[in-house]
Amino acid sequence: MDGRLIYLMGPSGSGKDSLIEAARKPLQSLDCEVVRRVITRSAESVGEDAIAVSHETFEHRRQAGEFALSWNANGLDYGIPIQIDHWLKEGRQVLVNGSRGHLAEALQRYPTLLPVLLTVKEEVLRERLLRRNRESLAQIEERLRRNARFTTTDCVGEVQIHRLDNSGELAVTVENLLKLITVSVEPDRT
């Protein structure tokens, strides 16, 4: 029996990295692997626990078939290692930090994936983005506009996007993520 891909996505500043780190141990108890993405950014950059590579190395790895999924966003390349296919075939659940813009392509490769959209109230998101101090005010406002357009989507095709609000306590979001994953992997008894 194959495992299931849990495709976590959300706007920059929504707390995906914090959620993944806080949920890491409980996810392991559910036999869920947490994937480290490969990203074309400096290893010194603050952010997620990712594997930093140059654009040239990334492209070489992509052409060599080392990524199950890959995309470009905000001037960076992102890759999900092909190892996830092995874990899924073993029946494990696999959590990836995905891209909202790449969800349709991910569904083509993994039609049973569980899409999870991490949301956050606009004022909380704005404050987080300002606190990170990575972007100009104009860039932050563009991110907020792009986020507002995406959050109106409930489905991609016939696949429901599950929403988790991360505007409040992180522990509550972790608990809700674990519930969603547990319910989604239980066999249908109808």
Protein backbone atom coordinates (compact mmCIF):
# COMPACT_ATOMS: atom_id res chain seq x y z
CA MET A 1 0.00 0.00 0.00
CA ASP A 2 1.38 3.38 -0.97
CA GLY A 3 1.69 6.21 1.51
CA ARG A 4 0.26 9.66 1.01
CA LEU A 5 1.95 12.94 0.16
CA ILE A 6 0.95 15.81 2.44
CA TYR A 7 1.50 18.99 0.45
CA LEU A 8 1.81 21.94 2.84
CA MET A 9 1.66 25.35 1.27
CA GLY A 10 1.01 28.92 2.26
CA PRO A 11 2.27 32.44 1.84
CA SER A 12 5.71 33.50 2.93
CA GLY A 13 5.37 34.47 6.59
CA SER A 14 2.47 32.10 7.32
CA GLY A 15 4.68 29.99 9.59
CA LYS A 16 5.22 26.87 7.46
CA ASP A 17 8.78 26.39 8.71
CA SER A 18 7.76 26.89 12.34
CA LEU A 19 4.85 24.47 11.93
CA ILE A 20 7.04 21.83 10.29
CA GLU A 21 9.66 22.08 13.02
CA ALA A 22 7.08 21.98 15.83
CA ALA A 23 5.29 18.99 14.26
CA ARG A 24 8.44 17.04 13.32
CA LYS A 25 8.48 14.60 16.29
CA PRO A 26 4.72 13.95 16.39
CA LEU A 27 4.80 13.37 12.62
CA GLN A 28 7.54 10.76 13.07
CA SER A 29 5.25 8.86 15.43
CA LEU A 30 2.71 8.76 12.57
CA ASP A 31 5.39 7.26 10.26
CA CYS A 32 5.49 10.53 8.35
CA GLU A 33 8.74 11.69 6.78
CA VAL A 34 9.46 15.42 6.68
CA VAL A 35 11.35 16.39 3.52
CA ARG A 36 14.15 18.95 3.28
CA ARG A 37 13.81 20.98 0.09
CA VAL A 38 16.73 21.88 -2.15
CA ILE A 39 16.78 25.65 -2.76
CA THR A 40 18.98 27.98 -4.79
CA ARG A 41 19.83 30.40 -2.03
CA SER A 42 22.73 31.06 0.24
CA ALA A 43 23.24 28.57 3.08
CA GLU A 44 23.55 31.60 5.37
CA SER A 45 20.01 32.75 4.57
CA VAL A 46 17.64 32.69 7.48
CA GLY A 47 14.67 30.44 6.97
CA GLU A 48 13.79 26.80 6.65
CA ASP A 49 16.08 23.85 7.17
CA ALA A 50 16.83 23.37 3.48
CA ILE A 51 19.72 22.22 1.32
CA ALA A 52 21.23 25.29 -0.35
CA VAL A 53 22.78 24.88 -3.80
CA SER A 54 23.85 27.13 -6.68
CA HIS A 55 21.61 27.60 -9.72
CA GLU A 56 24.05 25.52 -11.78
CA THR A 57 24.05 22.64 -9.28
CA PHE A 58 20.26 22.75 -9.05
CA GLU A 59 19.86 22.58 -12.82
CA HIS A 60 22.34 19.70 -13.05
CA ARG A 61 20.42 17.79 -10.35
CA ARG A 62 17.09 18.54 -12.04
CA GLN A 63 18.32 17.28 -15.40
CA ALA A 64 19.73 14.16 -13.71
CA GLY A 65 16.23 13.35 -12.40
CA GLU A 66 17.03 13.92 -8.73
CA PHE A 67 13.79 15.79 -8.03
CA ALA A 68 10.29 14.39 -7.81
CA LEU A 69 8.94 17.95 -8.00
CA SER A 70 10.65 21.23 -8.84
CA TRP A 71 9.57 24.81 -9.52
CA ASN A 72 10.73 28.40 -9.60
CA ALA A 73 9.22 31.11 -7.41
CA ASN A 74 10.37 34.58 -6.43
CA GLY A 75 13.67 34.15 -8.27
CA LEU A 76 14.58 30.89 -6.51
CA ASP A 77 14.50 27.26 -7.64
CA TYR A 78 12.95 24.66 -5.32
CA GLY A 79 13.28 20.89 -5.54
CA ILE A 80 11.74 17.97 -3.66
CA PRO A 81 14.16 15.00 -3.70
CA ILE A 82 13.08 11.90 -5.63
CA GLN A 83 13.56 9.90 -2.40
CA ILE A 84 9.95 10.71 -1.52
CA ASP A 85 8.81 8.17 -4.13
CA HIS A 86 10.67 5.42 -2.24
CA TRP A 87 9.10 6.45 1.08
CA LEU A 88 5.62 6.58 -0.45
CA LYS A 89 6.05 3.10 -1.97
CA GLU A 90 7.02 1.84 1.51
CA GLY A 91 3.64 3.09 2.75
CA ARG A 92 4.98 6.09 4.65
CA GLN A 93 3.32 9.46 4.74
CA VAL A 94 5.52 12.27 3.42
CA LEU A 95 5.19 15.97 4.27
CA VAL A 96 6.62 18.49 1.82
CA ASN A 97 6.75 22.26 1.91
CA GLY A 98 5.16 22.88 -1.48
CA SER A 99 4.22 25.78 -3.68
CA ARG A 100 0.69 27.07 -4.15
CA GLY A 101 1.53 27.87 -7.76
CA HIS A 102 2.79 24.32 -8.40
CA LEU A 103 -0.13 22.44 -6.80
CA ALA A 104 -1.79 21.47 -10.09
CA GLU A 105 1.45 19.91 -11.37
CA ALA A 106 2.01 18.13 -8.07
CA LEU A 107 -1.51 16.66 -8.31
CA GLN A 108 -0.71 15.31 -11.77
CA ARG A 109 2.18 13.29 -10.35
CA TYR A 110 0.55 12.48 -6.98
CA PRO A 111 -3.23 12.45 -7.53
CA THR A 112 -3.98 11.32 -3.96
CA LEU A 113 -1.93 14.04 -2.29
CA LEU A 114 -3.45 15.92 0.64
CA PRO A 115 -3.25 19.68 -0.08
CA VAL A 116 -3.00 21.72 3.12
CA LEU A 117 -3.06 25.51 2.92
CA LEU A 118 -1.64 27.31 5.94
CA THR A 119 -3.53 30.59 6.29
CA VAL A 120 -3.02 33.57 8.52
CA LYS A 121 -5.00 36.75 9.04
CA GLU A 122 -3.77 39.57 6.81
CA GLU A 123 -2.69 41.82 9.68
CA VAL A 124 -0.71 38.99 11.29
CA LEU A 125 0.90 38.12 7.97
CA ARG A 126 1.86 41.74 7.32
CA GLU A 127 3.45 42.00 10.78
CA ARG A 128 5.43 38.78 10.28
CA LEU A 129 6.71 39.88 6.89
CA LEU A 130 7.72 43.28 8.26
CA ARG A 131 9.48 41.64 11.23
CA ARG A 132 11.51 39.36 8.93
CA ASN A 133 12.86 42.44 7.15
CA ARG A 134 13.67 40.49 3.94
CA GLU A 135 11.62 42.55 1.49
CA SER A 136 10.65 46.13 0.70
CA LEU A 137 7.23 47.47 1.65
CA ALA A 138 6.17 47.27 -2.00
CA GLN A 139 7.19 43.60 -2.17
CA ILE A 140 5.30 42.85 1.04
CA GLU A 141 2.16 44.53 -0.29
CA GLU A 142 2.44 42.52 -3.52
CA ARG A 143 2.74 39.30 -1.47
CA LEU A 144 -0.40 40.26 0.47
CA ARG A 145 -2.32 40.95 -2.76
CA ARG A 146 -1.18 37.62 -4.26
CA ASN A 147 -2.17 35.81 -1.07
CA ALA A 148 -5.66 37.35 -1.10
CA ARG A 149 -6.21 36.09 -4.66
CA PHE A 150 -5.11 32.54 -3.80
CA THR A 151 -7.07 32.12 -0.58
CA THR A 152 -10.37 32.34 -2.47
CA THR A 153 -9.70 28.89 -4.00
CA ASP A 154 -11.26 25.91 -2.21
CA CYS A 155 -10.46 23.21 -4.78
CA VAL A 156 -8.09 22.32 -7.57
CA GLY A 157 -10.21 20.33 -9.97
CA GLU A 158 -12.14 18.01 -7.69
CA VAL A 159 -9.50 17.96 -4.94
CA GLN A 160 -10.41 19.92 -1.80
CA ILE A 161 -7.76 22.20 -0.31
CA HIS A 162 -7.72 21.83 3.50
CA ARG A 163 -7.10 25.06 5.38
CA LEU A 164 -5.26 25.48 8.68
CA ASP A 165 -5.31 28.89 10.36
CA ASN A 166 -1.94 29.76 11.89
CA SER A 167 -2.85 33.22 13.17
CA GLY A 168 -2.81 32.13 16.81
CA GLU A 169 -0.95 29.60 18.94
CA LEU A 170 1.40 27.32 17.03
CA ALA A 171 0.53 24.36 19.28
CA VAL A 172 -3.10 24.56 18.15
CA THR A 173 -2.04 24.54 14.49
CA VAL A 174 0.21 21.51 15.12
CA GLU A 175 -2.70 19.68 16.78
CA ASN A 176 -5.00 20.51 13.85
CA LEU A 177 -2.41 19.37 11.31
CA LEU A 178 -1.96 16.05 13.09
CA LYS A 179 -5.75 15.53 13.23
CA LEU A 180 -6.06 16.27 9.52
CA ILE A 181 -3.29 13.84 8.62
CA THR A 182 -4.63 11.11 10.92
CA VAL A 183 -8.15 11.39 9.51
CA SER A 184 -6.87 11.48 5.92
CA VAL A 185 -4.89 8.24 6.19
CA GLU A 186 -7.56 6.17 7.96
CA PRO A 187 -9.28 3.73 5.60
CA ASP A 188 -12.76 4.61 4.40
CA ARG A 189 -15.21 2.30 6.20
CA THR A 190 -18.34 3.26 4.28
